[in-house]
């Protein structure tokens, strides 16, 4: 039976065919955090007293409100940049592209 793209990716990761409804556990290659949820992502990590274990596998993309529409958004974007730098996380800033395309264009999506 033909597989969906997601099934093909997961099958490759686990080394065997998988199908709809099957639960598999895989190691994540790359995580994309978009600016619209970055604040809640950071707060959740702080609540858990956690930091990204593999910062090289995390990318933050600032593209949803670009350029910043007001001072509040500008401050939030500044915090995103600073948080990324503190944790060694790659930040694709305003103007780098649409989040759904950036990881592909940068060769980070496999």
N, C-alpha and C. Protein backbone atom coordinates (compact mmCIF):
# COMPACT_ATOMS: atom_id res chain seq x y z
N UNK A 1 0.84 -1.18 0.00
CA UNK A 1 0.00 0.00 0.00
C UNK A 1 0.89 1.25 0.00
N UNK A 2 0.54 2.26 -0.78
CA UNK A 2 1.35 3.48 -0.82
C UNK A 2 1.39 4.17 0.55
N UNK A 3 2.50 4.82 0.84
CA UNK A 3 2.66 5.52 2.11
C UNK A 3 2.56 7.03 1.89
N UNK A 4 2.08 7.71 2.93
CA UNK A 4 2.09 9.17 2.92
C UNK A 4 3.52 9.64 3.14
N UNK A 5 3.77 10.92 2.94
CA UNK A 5 5.10 11.47 3.18
C UNK A 5 5.52 11.24 4.63
N UNK A 6 4.60 11.49 5.57
CA UNK A 6 4.91 11.30 6.99
C UNK A 6 5.27 9.85 7.28
N UNK A 7 4.53 8.91 6.70
CA UNK A 7 4.83 7.49 6.90
C UNK A 7 6.19 7.13 6.33
N UNK A 8 6.55 7.70 5.19
CA UNK A 8 7.86 7.43 4.59
C UNK A 8 8.99 7.95 5.48
N UNK A 9 8.80 9.15 6.00
CA UNK A 9 9.83 9.74 6.88
C UNK A 9 9.99 8.90 8.13
N UNK A 10 8.87 8.55 8.77
CA UNK A 10 8.95 7.75 10.00
C UNK A 10 9.49 6.36 9.73
N UNK A 11 9.11 5.76 8.61
CA UNK A 11 9.64 4.44 8.24
C UNK A 11 11.15 4.49 8.11
N UNK A 12 11.63 5.54 7.48
CA UNK A 12 13.08 5.71 7.32
C UNK A 12 13.76 5.82 8.68
N UNK A 13 13.16 6.59 9.60
CA UNK A 13 13.75 6.80 10.92
C UNK A 13 13.79 5.52 11.75
N UNK A 14 12.75 4.68 11.67
CA UNK A 14 12.72 3.47 12.50
C UNK A 14 13.30 2.25 11.77
N UNK A 15 13.53 2.38 10.47
CA UNK A 15 14.15 1.29 9.73
C UNK A 15 13.23 0.17 9.32
N UNK A 16 11.93 0.47 9.29
CA UNK A 16 10.94 -0.52 8.84
C UNK A 16 9.68 0.22 8.41
N UNK A 17 8.84 -0.42 7.62
CA UNK A 17 7.60 0.25 7.20
C UNK A 17 6.66 0.51 8.39
N UNK A 18 6.09 1.69 8.43
CA UNK A 18 5.08 2.01 9.44
C UNK A 18 3.85 2.55 8.72
N UNK A 19 2.71 2.45 9.39
CA UNK A 19 1.46 2.89 8.78
C UNK A 19 0.62 3.73 9.71
N UNK A 20 -0.48 4.21 9.18
CA UNK A 20 -1.41 5.05 9.93
C UNK A 20 -1.87 4.33 11.19
N UNK A 21 -1.93 5.07 12.29
CA UNK A 21 -2.40 4.53 13.55
C UNK A 21 -1.32 3.87 14.39
N UNK A 22 -0.16 3.66 13.81
CA UNK A 22 0.93 3.01 14.54
C UNK A 22 1.70 4.05 15.35
N UNK A 23 2.05 3.70 16.57
CA UNK A 23 2.82 4.59 17.43
C UNK A 23 4.29 4.22 17.34
N UNK A 24 5.12 5.18 16.97
CA UNK A 24 6.56 4.96 16.92
C UNK A 24 7.26 6.09 17.66
N UNK A 25 8.40 5.79 18.22
CA UNK A 25 9.20 6.79 18.91
C UNK A 25 10.48 6.99 18.10
N UNK A 26 10.73 8.22 17.70
CA UNK A 26 11.91 8.52 16.89
C UNK A 26 12.66 9.71 17.49
N UNK A 27 13.93 9.80 17.17
CA UNK A 27 14.72 10.96 17.57
C UNK A 27 14.45 12.07 16.56
N UNK A 28 14.21 13.26 17.06
CA UNK A 28 13.88 14.40 16.21
C UNK A 28 15.16 14.98 15.61
N UNK A 29 15.14 15.21 14.31
CA UNK A 29 16.30 15.79 13.62
C UNK A 29 16.36 17.30 13.75
N UNK A 30 15.22 17.95 13.70
CA UNK A 30 15.18 19.41 13.68
C UNK A 30 13.83 19.88 14.22
N UNK A 31 13.86 20.93 15.04
CA UNK A 31 12.65 21.54 15.58
C UNK A 31 12.60 22.98 15.10
N UNK A 32 11.45 23.39 14.60
CA UNK A 32 11.27 24.78 14.19
C UNK A 32 10.34 25.46 15.18
N UNK A 33 10.79 26.59 15.72
CA UNK A 33 9.98 27.40 16.61
C UNK A 33 9.68 28.69 15.86
N UNK A 34 8.41 29.00 15.71
CA UNK A 34 8.04 30.23 15.01
C UNK A 34 7.81 31.35 16.01
N UNK A 35 8.00 32.56 15.57
CA UNK A 35 7.90 33.71 16.45
C UNK A 35 6.56 33.82 17.16
N UNK A 36 5.50 33.36 16.53
CA UNK A 36 4.17 33.49 17.13
C UNK A 36 3.99 32.62 18.38
N UNK A 37 4.80 31.58 18.56
CA UNK A 37 4.69 30.73 19.75
C UNK A 37 5.98 30.70 20.57
N UNK A 38 6.99 31.42 20.13
CA UNK A 38 8.29 31.37 20.80
C UNK A 38 8.19 31.75 22.28
N UNK A 39 7.42 32.78 22.60
CA UNK A 39 7.29 33.20 23.99
C UNK A 39 6.77 32.10 24.89
N UNK A 40 5.72 31.40 24.46
CA UNK A 40 5.18 30.31 25.28
C UNK A 40 6.15 29.13 25.34
N UNK A 41 6.90 28.90 24.26
CA UNK A 41 7.92 27.85 24.24
C UNK A 41 8.99 28.15 25.29
N UNK A 42 9.48 29.39 25.33
CA UNK A 42 10.50 29.77 26.29
C UNK A 42 9.98 29.64 27.72
N UNK A 43 8.75 30.12 27.95
CA UNK A 43 8.16 30.05 29.30
C UNK A 43 8.02 28.62 29.77
N UNK A 44 7.61 27.74 28.86
CA UNK A 44 7.45 26.33 29.22
C UNK A 44 8.79 25.71 29.59
N UNK A 45 9.82 25.99 28.82
CA UNK A 45 11.15 25.47 29.16
C UNK A 45 11.61 26.01 30.51
N UNK A 46 11.39 27.29 30.76
CA UNK A 46 11.78 27.87 32.04
C UNK A 46 11.00 27.23 33.19
N UNK A 47 9.71 27.00 33.00
CA UNK A 47 8.88 26.34 34.01
C UNK A 47 9.44 24.95 34.34
N UNK A 48 9.90 24.25 33.33
CA UNK A 48 10.46 22.91 33.51
C UNK A 48 11.93 22.95 33.93
N UNK A 49 12.48 24.16 34.06
CA UNK A 49 13.89 24.33 34.37
C UNK A 49 14.75 23.56 33.36
N UNK A 50 14.41 23.73 32.10
CA UNK A 50 15.06 22.97 31.03
C UNK A 50 15.64 23.91 29.98
N UNK A 51 16.59 23.39 29.26
CA UNK A 51 17.14 24.07 28.09
C UNK A 51 17.20 23.05 26.97
N UNK A 52 17.25 23.49 25.73
CA UNK A 52 17.33 22.52 24.64
C UNK A 52 18.59 21.65 24.76
N UNK A 53 18.39 20.34 24.74
CA UNK A 53 19.51 19.40 24.87
C UNK A 53 20.44 19.48 23.66
N UNK A 54 19.85 19.66 22.50
CA UNK A 54 20.61 19.74 21.25
C UNK A 54 20.27 21.06 20.55
N UNK A 55 20.85 22.17 21.00
CA UNK A 55 20.49 23.46 20.40
C UNK A 55 20.76 23.53 18.90
N UNK A 56 21.69 22.74 18.41
CA UNK A 56 21.98 22.74 16.98
C UNK A 56 20.82 22.15 16.17
N UNK A 57 19.88 21.51 16.84
CA UNK A 57 18.71 20.93 16.17
C UNK A 57 17.49 21.83 16.26
N UNK A 58 17.65 23.02 16.80
CA UNK A 58 16.53 23.95 16.97
C UNK A 58 16.77 25.18 16.09
N UNK A 59 15.73 25.60 15.39
CA UNK A 59 15.77 26.82 14.60
C UNK A 59 14.57 27.68 14.96
N UNK A 60 14.82 28.96 15.15
CA UNK A 60 13.74 29.91 15.40
C UNK A 60 13.60 30.78 14.15
N UNK A 61 12.37 30.94 13.68
CA UNK A 61 12.13 31.75 12.49
C UNK A 61 11.20 32.91 12.86
N UNK A 62 11.66 34.12 12.61
CA UNK A 62 10.84 35.32 12.86
C UNK A 62 10.27 35.76 11.52
N UNK A 63 8.98 35.47 11.31
CA UNK A 63 8.38 35.82 10.02
C UNK A 63 6.90 36.18 10.09
N UNK A 64 6.24 35.95 11.20
CA UNK A 64 4.79 36.15 11.22
C UNK A 64 4.36 37.61 11.27
N UNK A 65 5.11 38.43 11.99
CA UNK A 65 4.82 39.86 12.03
C UNK A 65 6.12 40.57 11.67
N UNK A 66 6.33 40.73 10.39
CA UNK A 66 7.60 41.27 9.93
C UNK A 66 7.36 42.29 8.82
N UNK A 67 7.79 43.50 9.02
CA UNK A 67 8.47 44.01 10.21
C UNK A 67 7.49 44.14 11.38
N UNK A 68 8.05 44.35 12.56
CA UNK A 68 7.23 44.47 13.77
C UNK A 68 6.18 45.56 13.60
N UNK A 69 4.94 45.24 13.96
CA UNK A 69 3.83 46.17 13.77
C UNK A 69 3.76 47.24 14.86
N UNK A 70 4.36 46.96 16.01
CA UNK A 70 4.32 47.92 17.11
C UNK A 70 5.47 47.63 18.08
N UNK A 71 5.58 48.45 19.10
CA UNK A 71 6.68 48.33 20.06
C UNK A 71 6.65 47.00 20.80
N UNK A 72 5.46 46.54 21.15
CA UNK A 72 5.33 45.27 21.87
C UNK A 72 5.90 44.10 21.05
N UNK A 73 5.57 44.06 19.79
CA UNK A 73 6.07 43.00 18.91
C UNK A 73 7.58 43.14 18.72
N UNK A 74 8.06 44.37 18.58
CA UNK A 74 9.50 44.60 18.43
C UNK A 74 10.26 44.09 19.65
N UNK A 75 9.71 44.35 20.85
CA UNK A 75 10.35 43.86 22.08
C UNK A 75 10.34 42.33 22.12
N UNK A 76 9.23 41.74 21.73
CA UNK A 76 9.13 40.27 21.71
C UNK A 76 10.16 39.68 20.75
N UNK A 77 10.31 40.30 19.59
CA UNK A 77 11.29 39.81 18.61
C UNK A 77 12.71 39.96 19.14
N UNK A 78 12.97 41.04 19.86
CA UNK A 78 14.29 41.23 20.46
C UNK A 78 14.56 40.13 21.48
N UNK A 79 13.56 39.80 22.30
CA UNK A 79 13.71 38.73 23.30
C UNK A 79 13.97 37.39 22.62
N UNK A 80 13.31 37.14 21.51
CA UNK A 80 13.53 35.90 20.76
C UNK A 80 14.98 35.81 20.31
N UNK A 81 15.49 36.87 19.73
CA UNK A 81 16.88 36.89 19.26
C UNK A 81 17.85 36.65 20.42
N UNK A 82 17.62 37.35 21.53
CA UNK A 82 18.50 37.22 22.68
C UNK A 82 18.45 35.82 23.27
N UNK A 83 17.26 35.25 23.38
CA UNK A 83 17.11 33.89 23.92
C UNK A 83 17.84 32.90 23.03
N UNK A 84 17.69 33.05 21.73
CA UNK A 84 18.38 32.16 20.80
C UNK A 84 19.89 32.26 20.95
N UNK A 85 20.41 33.46 21.05
CA UNK A 85 21.86 33.64 21.21
C UNK A 85 22.35 33.02 22.52
N UNK A 86 21.61 33.25 23.61
CA UNK A 86 22.01 32.70 24.91
C UNK A 86 22.10 31.18 24.90
N UNK A 87 21.25 30.56 24.12
CA UNK A 87 21.18 29.09 24.11
C UNK A 87 21.85 28.46 22.89
N UNK A 88 22.52 29.27 22.09
CA UNK A 88 23.23 28.73 20.93
C UNK A 88 22.31 28.20 19.85
N UNK A 89 21.15 28.84 19.73
CA UNK A 89 20.15 28.40 18.76
C UNK A 89 20.17 29.32 17.54
N UNK A 90 20.05 28.71 16.40
CA UNK A 90 20.02 29.43 15.12
C UNK A 90 18.72 30.23 15.04
N UNK A 91 18.84 31.51 14.72
CA UNK A 91 17.67 32.38 14.55
C UNK A 91 17.66 32.91 13.12
N UNK A 92 16.58 32.63 12.41
CA UNK A 92 16.38 33.19 11.08
C UNK A 92 15.53 34.43 11.27
N UNK A 93 16.15 35.57 11.11
CA UNK A 93 15.52 36.85 11.43
C UNK A 93 14.58 37.32 10.33
N UNK A 94 13.91 38.41 10.60
CA UNK A 94 13.00 39.05 9.66
C UNK A 94 13.67 39.17 8.29
N UNK A 95 12.95 38.76 7.27
CA UNK A 95 13.47 38.88 5.92
C UNK A 95 14.17 37.64 5.38
N UNK A 96 14.38 36.63 6.24
CA UNK A 96 15.06 35.41 5.79
C UNK A 96 14.14 34.49 5.01
N UNK A 97 12.83 34.68 5.15
CA UNK A 97 11.89 33.85 4.41
C UNK A 97 10.75 33.35 5.27
N UNK A 98 9.86 32.62 4.63
CA UNK A 98 8.69 32.05 5.30
C UNK A 98 9.14 30.81 6.07
N UNK A 99 8.68 30.68 7.31
CA UNK A 99 9.15 29.61 8.19
C UNK A 99 9.06 28.23 7.55
N UNK A 100 7.99 27.97 6.81
CA UNK A 100 7.79 26.64 6.24
C UNK A 100 8.78 26.34 5.11
N UNK A 101 9.43 27.36 4.59
CA UNK A 101 10.39 27.17 3.51
C UNK A 101 11.84 27.28 3.97
N UNK A 102 12.07 28.06 5.02
CA UNK A 102 13.45 28.36 5.43
C UNK A 102 14.26 27.10 5.72
N UNK A 103 13.70 26.17 6.49
CA UNK A 103 14.47 24.98 6.85
C UNK A 103 14.83 24.15 5.62
N UNK A 104 13.93 24.10 4.67
CA UNK A 104 14.21 23.37 3.42
C UNK A 104 15.30 24.09 2.64
N UNK A 105 15.14 25.40 2.48
CA UNK A 105 16.10 26.19 1.71
C UNK A 105 17.49 26.18 2.34
N UNK A 106 17.56 26.06 3.65
CA UNK A 106 18.85 26.05 4.35
C UNK A 106 19.43 24.64 4.49
N UNK A 107 18.73 23.65 3.94
CA UNK A 107 19.23 22.27 3.99
C UNK A 107 19.10 21.62 5.36
N UNK A 108 18.21 22.14 6.20
CA UNK A 108 18.04 21.59 7.54
C UNK A 108 16.96 20.53 7.61
N UNK A 109 16.03 20.53 6.68
CA UNK A 109 14.98 19.51 6.64
C UNK A 109 15.49 18.35 5.80
N UNK A 110 15.34 17.16 6.34
CA UNK A 110 15.84 15.97 5.64
C UNK A 110 14.70 15.06 5.25
